Amino acid sequence: MNTYVVATIKDWNIRNFHKLAGEIKADWHLITNREDLTFAKIMPLNPKYIFFPHWSWIIPEKVYTNFECVVFHMTDLPFGRGGSPLQNLVVREMNVTKISAIKVTEKLDSGPIYLKRNLCLQGSAEEIYIRASVITFDMIRHIVNRVPTPVKQVGKPVFFKRRTPAESKIPDVHDLNKIFDWIRMLDAEGYPNAFIETDNLRLEFSRATLKNGNIVADTKITLRKEKGE
């Protein structure tokens, strides 16, 4: 019986892991903590693949050089290598993208590609991530069943820069569509919501909709830390 490991930190991926493990007969293992992704802990399992649907940390070199590691990136690689792919795509006003399943190598997001699948970028960030999770686990199913040979990336790389929490501040623009995109692209578990600040207050926005030419959203208002302390 083949052994497979899935390393992820998001609830929607964990749910889909258990669903897949119930469908495909194999020795499945789930890793949700950074400390458990070590060569010493992986070696006894000797997995055929280690899949990374959503992982926020560097994969140890000894892990990816000794086991076949597959990461899923939300761009049509080699376009969009780097961090914060969803936000960088939405800022560029892109409505669709691809999820690329790639073999982990020394250089970030530069490994050969097993397969790609289309992904719609409509909705909030959390809705997009949930949609992407379903597609990603279907890709895992494909790789497990068909064992495709990864193919070298073709084309000139375009690099994305990982966004910082401070970049969640809503820009001063005169376009409600851009502001709506700014709010929705940051509206997901574990991500800093879009915000604006006054001298004393911080207003964070989520669950935005466009209605009759206006944005309607949930708003959380707090005292700015330097003012409230």
C-alpha atoms as a PDB file:
ATOM      1  CA  MET A   1       0.000   0.000   0.000  1.00  0.00           C
ATOM      2  CA  ASN A   2       1.349   3.426  -0.975  1.00  0.00           C
ATOM      3  CA  THR A   3       1.885   6.104   1.653  1.00  0.00           C
ATOM      4  CA  TYR A   4       0.985   9.749   1.061  1.00  0.00           C
ATOM      5  CA  VAL A   5       1.503  12.802   3.257  1.00  0.00           C
ATOM      6  CA  VAL A   6      -0.488  16.044   3.038  1.00  0.00           C
ATOM      7  CA  ALA A   7       0.897  19.126   4.796  1.00  0.00           C
ATOM      8  CA  THR A   8      -1.555  22.003   5.164  1.00  0.00           C
ATOM      9  CA  ILE A   9      -2.781  24.562   7.692  1.00  0.00           C
ATOM     10  CA  LYS A  10      -6.208  25.603   6.445  1.00  0.00           C
ATOM     11  CA  ASP A  11      -9.518  24.135   7.616  1.00  0.00           C
ATOM     12  CA  TRP A  12     -10.926  23.787   4.105  1.00  0.00           C
ATOM     13  CA  ASN A  13      -7.911  21.691   3.055  1.00  0.00           C
ATOM     14  CA  ILE A  14      -8.099  19.543   6.170  1.00  0.00           C
ATOM     15  CA  ARG A  15     -11.748  18.747   5.414  1.00  0.00           C
ATOM     16  CA  ASN A  16     -10.883  17.782   1.836  1.00  0.00           C
ATOM     17  CA  PHE A  17      -7.965  15.680   3.047  1.00  0.00           C
ATOM     18  CA  HIS A  18     -10.280  13.506   5.153  1.00  0.00           C
ATOM     19  CA  LYS A  19     -12.680  13.203   2.241  1.00  0.00           C
ATOM     20  CA  LEU A  20      -9.920  12.087  -0.131  1.00  0.00           C
ATOM     21  CA  ALA A  21      -8.437   9.692   2.422  1.00  0.00           C
ATOM     22  CA  GLY A  22     -11.831   8.032   2.658  1.00  0.00           C
ATOM     23  CA  GLU A  23     -12.047   7.639  -1.115  1.00  0.00           C
ATOM     24  CA  ILE A  24      -8.594   6.328  -2.041  1.00  0.00           C
ATOM     25  CA  LYS A  25      -7.241   3.314  -0.225  1.00  0.00           C
ATOM     26  CA  ALA A  26      -3.742   4.182   0.939  1.00  0.00           C
ATOM     27  CA  ASP A  27      -1.749   5.011   4.058  1.00  0.00           C
ATOM     28  CA  TRP A  28      -2.591   8.708   4.459  1.00  0.00           C
ATOM     29  CA  HIS A  29      -0.923  11.078   6.922  1.00  0.00           C
ATOM     30  CA  LEU A  30      -1.835  14.696   7.696  1.00  0.00           C
ATOM     31  CA  ILE A  31       0.674  17.298   8.915  1.00  0.00           C
ATOM     32  CA  THR A  32      -0.632  20.602  10.276  1.00  0.00           C
ATOM     33  CA  ASN A  33       2.325  21.707  12.412  1.00  0.00           C
ATOM     34  CA  ARG A  34       5.632  23.052  11.161  1.00  0.00           C
ATOM     35  CA  GLU A  35       7.540  21.032  13.773  1.00  0.00           C
ATOM     36  CA  ASP A  36       6.275  17.754  12.293  1.00  0.00           C
ATOM     37  CA  LEU A  37       7.687  18.411   8.843  1.00  0.00           C
ATOM     38  CA  THR A  38      11.182  17.070   9.420  1.00  0.00           C
ATOM     39  CA  PHE A  39      13.226  14.414   7.683  1.00  0.00           C
ATOM     40  CA  ALA A  40      13.441  12.405  10.916  1.00  0.00           C
ATOM     41  CA  LYS A  41       9.645  12.227  11.210  1.00  0.00           C
ATOM     42  CA  ILE A  42       8.971  11.692   7.504  1.00  0.00           C
ATOM     43  CA  MET A  43      11.637   9.039   6.906  1.00  0.00           C
ATOM     44  CA  PRO A  44       9.833   6.151   8.700  1.00  0.00           C
ATOM     45  CA  LEU A  45       6.730   6.824   6.581  1.00  0.00           C
ATOM     46  CA  ASN A  46       8.665   6.745   3.285  1.00  0.00           C
ATOM     47  CA  PRO A  47       5.823   8.435   1.362  1.00  0.00           C
ATOM     48  CA  LYS A  48       5.444   8.192  -2.390  1.00  0.00           C
ATOM     49  CA  TYR A  49       4.416  11.870  -2.443  1.00  0.00           C
ATOM     50  CA  ILE A  50       4.199  14.720   0.036  1.00  0.00           C
ATOM     51  CA  PHE A  51       1.525  17.223  -1.033  1.00  0.00           C
ATOM     52  CA  PHE A  52       1.449  20.866   0.095  1.00  0.00           C
ATOM     53  CA  PRO A  53      -1.990  22.400  -0.669  1.00  0.00           C
ATOM     54  CA  HIS A  54      -1.278  25.425   1.535  1.00  0.00           C
ATOM     55  CA  TRP A  55       1.903  25.689   3.553  1.00  0.00           C
ATOM     56  CA  SER A  56       3.338  28.919   4.972  1.00  0.00           C
ATOM     57  CA  TRP A  57       6.882  27.809   5.730  1.00  0.00           C
ATOM     58  CA  ILE A  58      10.022  26.801   3.883  1.00  0.00           C
ATOM     59  CA  ILE A  59      10.156  23.074   3.136  1.00  0.00           C
ATOM     60  CA  PRO A  60      13.405  21.628   4.541  1.00  0.00           C
ATOM     61  CA  GLU A  61      15.935  20.746   1.858  1.00  0.00           C
ATOM     62  CA  LYS A  62      16.461  17.274   3.285  1.00  0.00           C
ATOM     63  CA  VAL A  63      12.729  16.618   2.895  1.00  0.00           C
ATOM     64  CA  TYR A  64      12.327  17.707  -0.734  1.00  0.00           C
ATOM     65  CA  THR A  65      15.592  16.124  -1.866  1.00  0.00           C
ATOM     66  CA  ASN A  66      14.690  12.724  -0.406  1.00  0.00           C
ATOM     67  CA  PHE A  67      10.954  12.624  -1.127  1.00  0.00           C
ATOM     68  CA  GLU A  68       8.820  13.761  -4.045  1.00  0.00           C
ATOM     69  CA  CYS A  69       7.187  16.940  -2.798  1.00  0.00           C
ATOM     70  CA  VAL A  70       4.364  18.637  -4.697  1.00  0.00           C
ATOM     71  CA  VAL A  71       3.304  22.215  -4.012  1.00  0.00           C
ATOM     72  CA  PHE A  72       0.242  23.958  -5.460  1.00  0.00           C
ATOM     73  CA  HIS A  73       0.631  27.542  -6.634  1.00  0.00           C
ATOM     74  CA  MET A  74      -2.257  29.811  -7.654  1.00  0.00           C
ATOM     75  CA  THR A  75      -0.760  31.141 -10.896  1.00  0.00           C
ATOM     76  CA  ASP A  76      -0.047  29.998 -14.429  1.00  0.00           C
ATOM     77  CA  LEU A  77       3.654  29.391 -13.812  1.00  0.00           C
ATOM     78  CA  PRO A  78       6.212  30.658 -14.653  1.00  0.00           C
ATOM     79  CA  PHE A  79       4.001  33.753 -14.418  1.00  0.00           C
ATOM     80  CA  GLY A  80       3.507  34.784 -10.802  1.00  0.00           C
ATOM     81  CA  ARG A  81       6.305  33.076  -8.924  1.00  0.00           C
ATOM     82  CA  GLY A  82       6.528  34.284  -5.340  1.00  0.00           C
ATOM     83  CA  GLY A  83       4.271  35.275  -2.470  1.00  0.00           C
ATOM     84  CA  SER A  84       0.652  36.425  -2.101  1.00  0.00           C
ATOM     85  CA  PRO A  85      -0.443  35.140  -5.513  1.00  0.00           C
ATOM     86  CA  LEU A  86      -4.179  35.717  -5.007  1.00  0.00           C
ATOM     87  CA  GLN A  87      -3.772  39.323  -3.913  1.00  0.00           C
ATOM     88  CA  ASN A  88      -1.258  40.063  -6.648  1.00  0.00           C
ATOM     89  CA  LEU A  89      -3.618  38.627  -9.258  1.00  0.00           C
ATOM     90  CA  VAL A  90      -6.638  40.602  -8.061  1.00  0.00           C
ATOM     91  CA  VAL A  91      -4.634  43.832  -7.896  1.00  0.00           C
ATOM     92  CA  ARG A  92      -3.805  43.186 -11.563  1.00  0.00           C
ATOM     93  CA  GLU A  93      -7.563  42.902 -12.223  1.00  0.00           C
ATOM     94  CA  MET A  94      -7.350  39.271 -13.314  1.00  0.00           C
ATOM     95  CA  ASN A  95     -10.578  37.250 -13.173  1.00  0.00           C
ATOM     96  CA  VAL A  96      -9.194  33.775 -13.826  1.00  0.00           C
ATOM     97  CA  THR A  97      -5.945  31.987 -13.136  1.00  0.00           C
ATOM     98  CA  LYS A  98      -4.571  28.479 -12.979  1.00  0.00           C
ATOM     99  CA  ILE A  99      -3.452  26.285 -10.134  1.00  0.00           C
ATOM    100  CA  SER A 100      -0.060  24.812 -10.969  1.00  0.00           C
ATOM    101  CA  ALA A 101       1.066  21.574  -9.306  1.00  0.00           C
ATOM    102  CA  ILE A 102       4.854  21.685  -9.238  1.00  0.00           C
ATOM    103  CA  LYS A 103       7.699  19.596  -7.925  1.00  0.00           C
ATOM    104  CA  VAL A 104       9.521  21.306  -5.076  1.00  0.00           C
ATOM    105  CA  THR A 105      13.088  22.282  -5.949  1.00  0.00           C
ATOM    106  CA  GLU A 106      15.717  24.596  -4.519  1.00  0.00           C
ATOM    107  CA  LYS A 107      14.386  27.700  -6.283  1.00  0.00           C
ATOM    108  CA  LEU A 108      10.962  28.931  -5.190  1.00  0.00           C
ATOM    109  CA  ASP A 109       8.103  28.021  -7.547  1.00  0.00           C
ATOM    110  CA  SER A 110      10.538  27.040 -10.304  1.00  0.00           C
ATOM    111  CA  GLY A 111      10.155  23.262 -10.353  1.00  0.00           C
ATOM    112  CA  PRO A 112       8.721  21.195 -13.205  1.00  0.00           C
ATOM    113  CA  ILE A 113       4.938  21.069 -13.534  1.00  0.00           C
ATOM    114  CA  TYR A 114       2.760  17.961 -13.119  1.00  0.00           C
ATOM    115  CA  LEU A 115      -0.475  19.588 -14.278  1.00  0.00           C
ATOM    116  CA  LYS A 116      -2.540  22.776 -14.213  1.00  0.00           C
ATOM    117  CA  ARG A 117      -6.212  23.489 -13.595  1.00  0.00           C
ATOM    118  CA  ASN A 118      -8.355  26.608 -14.142  1.00  0.00           C
ATOM    119  CA  LEU A 119      -9.524  28.700 -11.176  1.00  0.00           C
ATOM    120  CA  CYS A 120     -12.094  31.514 -11.125  1.00  0.00           C
ATOM    121  CA  LEU A 121     -11.123  34.545  -9.016  1.00  0.00           C
ATOM    122  CA  GLN A 122     -14.631  35.835  -8.284  1.00  0.00           C
ATOM    123  CA  GLY A 123     -15.824  36.190  -4.696  1.00  0.00           C
ATOM    124  CA  SER A 124     -14.075  36.783  -1.398  1.00  0.00           C
ATOM    125  CA  ALA A 125     -10.605  35.435  -0.717  1.00  0.00           C
ATOM    126  CA  GLU A 126     -12.046  32.713   1.496  1.00  0.00           C
ATOM    127  CA  GLU A 127     -14.522  31.668  -1.206  1.00  0.00           C
ATOM    128  CA  ILE A 128     -11.672  31.499  -3.711  1.00  0.00           C
ATOM    129  CA  TYR A 129      -9.485  29.450  -1.355  1.00  0.00           C
ATOM    130  CA  ILE A 130     -12.328  27.011  -0.701  1.00  0.00           C
ATOM    131  CA  ARG A 131     -12.913  26.696  -4.454  1.00  0.00           C
ATOM    132  CA  ALA A 132      -9.167  26.228  -4.996  1.00  0.00           C
ATOM    133  CA  SER A 133      -9.055  23.529  -2.324  1.00  0.00           C
ATOM    134  CA  VAL A 134     -11.627  21.396  -4.148  1.00  0.00           C
ATOM    135  CA  ILE A 135      -9.638  21.732  -7.380  1.00  0.00           C
ATOM    136  CA  THR A 136      -6.337  21.063  -5.623  1.00  0.00           C
ATOM    137  CA  PHE A 137      -7.514  17.815  -4.065  1.00  0.00           C
ATOM    138  CA  ASP A 138      -8.853  16.713  -7.422  1.00  0.00           C
ATOM    139  CA  MET A 139      -5.330  17.360  -8.734  1.00  0.00           C
ATOM    140  CA  ILE A 140      -3.909  15.269  -5.897  1.00  0.00           C
ATOM    141  CA  ARG A 141      -6.322  12.512  -6.868  1.00  0.00           C
ATOM    142  CA  HIS A 142      -5.074  12.756 -10.477  1.00  0.00           C
ATOM    143  CA  ILE A 143      -1.402  12.580  -9.443  1.00  0.00           C
ATOM    144  CA  VAL A 144      -1.982   9.615  -7.137  1.00  0.00           C
ATOM    145  CA  ASN A 145      -3.924   7.684  -9.777  1.00  0.00           C
ATOM    146  CA  ARG A 146      -1.916   8.548 -12.890  1.00  0.00           C
ATOM    147  CA  VAL A 147       1.603   9.386 -11.587  1.00  0.00           C
ATOM    148  CA  PRO A 148       2.326  12.051 -14.239  1.00  0.00           C
ATOM    149  CA  THR A 149       5.877  13.031 -15.142  1.00  0.00           C
ATOM    150  CA  PRO A 150       6.509  16.706 -14.336  1.00  0.00           C
ATOM    151  CA  VAL A 151       7.555  18.899 -17.262  1.00  0.00           C
ATOM    152  CA  LYS A 152       9.975  21.831 -17.149  1.00  0.00           C
ATOM    153  CA  GLN A 153       8.409  25.290 -16.975  1.00  0.00           C
ATOM    154  CA  VAL A 154       8.413  27.209 -20.260  1.00  0.00           C
ATOM    155  CA  GLY A 155       8.487  30.987 -20.657  1.00  0.00           C
ATOM    156  CA  LYS A 156       9.941  34.047 -18.983  1.00  0.00           C
ATOM    157  CA  PRO A 157       9.299  34.115 -15.229  1.00  0.00           C
ATOM    158  CA  VAL A 158       7.285  36.959 -13.714  1.00  0.00           C
ATOM    159  CA  PHE A 159       7.815  37.413  -9.978  1.00  0.00           C
ATOM    160  CA  PHE A 160       5.339  38.480  -7.305  1.00  0.00           C
ATOM    161  CA  LYS A 161       6.339  40.107  -4.024  1.00  0.00           C
ATOM    162  CA  ARG A 162       4.838  38.829  -0.789  1.00  0.00           C
ATOM    163  CA  ARG A 163       2.516  41.432   0.681  1.00  0.00           C
ATOM    164  CA  THR A 164       2.935  42.805   4.197  1.00  0.00           C
ATOM    165  CA  PRO A 165       0.127  43.487   6.712  1.00  0.00           C
ATOM    166  CA  ALA A 166       0.645  47.227   6.228  1.00  0.00           C
ATOM    167  CA  GLU A 167      -0.266  46.810   2.554  1.00  0.00           C
ATOM    168  CA  SER A 168      -3.801  45.867   3.578  1.00  0.00           C
ATOM    169  CA  LYS A 169      -4.488  49.584   3.985  1.00  0.00           C
ATOM    170  CA  ILE A 170      -7.038  50.647   1.387  1.00  0.00           C
ATOM    171  CA  PRO A 171      -5.479  53.042  -1.132  1.00  0.00           C
ATOM    172  CA  ASP A 172      -6.920  56.501  -1.698  1.00  0.00           C
ATOM    173  CA  VAL A 173      -8.496  55.884  -5.092  1.00  0.00           C
ATOM    174  CA  HIS A 174     -11.683  57.141  -6.762  1.00  0.00           C
ATOM    175  CA  ASP A 175     -12.886  53.762  -7.984  1.00  0.00           C
ATOM    176  CA  LEU A 176     -15.274  51.720  -5.829  1.00  0.00           C
ATOM    177  CA  ASN A 177     -14.608  48.595  -7.890  1.00  0.00           C
ATOM    178  CA  LYS A 178     -10.933  48.741  -6.935  1.00  0.00           C
ATOM    179  CA  ILE A 179     -11.820  49.259  -3.274  1.00  0.00           C
ATOM    180  CA  PHE A 180     -14.276  46.355  -3.421  1.00  0.00           C
ATOM    181  CA  ASP A 181     -11.532  44.133  -4.890  1.00  0.00           C
ATOM    182  CA  TRP A 182      -9.149  45.306  -2.165  1.00  0.00           C
ATOM    183  CA  ILE A 183     -11.576  44.240   0.557  1.00  0.00           C
ATOM    184  CA  ARG A 184     -12.540  40.879  -0.958  1.00  0.00           C
ATOM    185  CA  MET A 185      -8.978  39.795  -1.803  1.00  0.00           C
ATOM    186  CA  LEU A 186      -8.052  40.024   1.894  1.00  0.00           C
ATOM    187  CA  ASP A 187     -11.240  38.537   3.314  1.00  0.00           C
ATOM    188  CA  ALA A 188     -10.143  35.095   4.520  1.00  0.00           C
ATOM    189  CA  GLU A 189      -9.205  33.283   7.692  1.00  0.00           C
ATOM    190  CA  GLY A 190      -5.683  34.136   8.806  1.00  0.00           C
ATOM    191  CA  TYR A 191      -5.283  37.207   6.590  1.00  0.00           C
ATOM    192  CA  PRO A 192      -5.235  40.882   7.682  1.00  0.00           C
ATOM    193  CA  ASN A 193      -8.478  42.512   6.541  1.00  0.00           C
ATOM    194  CA  ALA A 194      -8.476  45.616   4.400  1.00  0.00           C
ATOM    195  CA  PHE A 195      -8.523  48.711   6.605  1.00  0.00           C
ATOM    196  CA  ILE A 196      -8.474  52.487   6.799  1.00  0.00           C
ATOM    197  CA  GLU A 197      -7.292  54.590   9.722  1.00  0.00           C
ATOM    198  CA  THR A 198      -8.106  57.935  11.251  1.00  0.00           C
ATOM    199  CA  ASP A 199      -6.011  59.662  13.898  1.00  0.00           C
ATOM    200  CA  ASN A 200      -7.624  57.525  16.593  1.00  0.00           C
ATOM    201  CA  LEU A 201      -9.442  54.649  14.924  1.00  0.00           C
ATOM    202  CA  ARG A 202      -8.826  51.649  12.729  1.00  0.00           C
ATOM    203  CA  LEU A 203     -11.703  50.372  10.583  1.00  0.00           C
ATOM    204  CA  GLU A 204     -11.421  46.858   9.133  1.00  0.00           C
ATOM    205  CA  PHE A 205     -13.756  45.593   6.414  1.00  0.00           C
ATOM    206  CA  SER A 206     -15.072  42.165   5.445  1.00  0.00           C
ATOM    207  CA  ARG A 207     -18.035  40.479   3.697  1.00  0.00           C
ATOM    208  CA  ALA A 208     -18.251  43.258   1.112  1.00  0.00           C
ATOM    209  CA  THR A 209     -20.849  43.449  -1.649  1.00  0.00           C
ATOM    210  CA  LEU A 210     -21.507  45.963  -4.404  1.00  0.00           C
ATOM    211  CA  LYS A 211     -25.097  47.254  -4.277  1.00  0.00           C
ATOM    212  CA  ASN A 212     -26.531  50.074  -6.376  1.00  0.00           C
ATOM    213  CA  GLY A 213     -23.122  51.605  -6.930  1.00  0.00           C
ATOM    214  CA  ASN A 214     -22.154  51.403  -3.250  1.00  0.00           C
ATOM    215  CA  ILE A 215     -20.052  49.039  -1.150  1.00  0.00           C
ATOM    216  CA  VAL A 216     -21.836  47.405   1.779  1.00  0.00           C
ATOM    217  CA  ALA A 217     -19.532  45.594   4.220  1.00  0.00           C
ATOM    218  CA  ASP A 218     -19.140  44.424   7.796  1.00  0.00           C
ATOM    219  CA  THR A 219     -16.925  46.838   9.729  1.00  0.00           C
ATOM    220  CA  LYS A 220     -14.820  46.292  12.840  1.00  0.00           C
ATOM    221  CA  ILE A 221     -13.786  49.513  14.602  1.00  0.00           C
ATOM    222  CA  THR A 222     -10.976  49.565  17.145  1.00  0.00           C
ATOM    223  CA  LEU A 223      -8.765  52.167  18.758  1.00  0.00           C
ATOM    224  CA  ARG A 224      -5.394  52.417  17.087  1.00  0.00           C
ATOM    225  CA  LYS A 225      -2.848  50.681  19.301  1.00  0.00           C
ATOM    226  CA  GLU A 226      -0.569  53.662  19.749  1.00  0.00           C
ATOM    227  CA  LYS A 227      -3.642  55.720  20.735  1.00  0.00           C
ATOM    228  CA  GLY A 228      -5.268  53.122  22.967  1.00  0.00           C
ATOM    229  CA  GLU A 229      -2.233  52.197  25.021  1.00  0.00           C
END
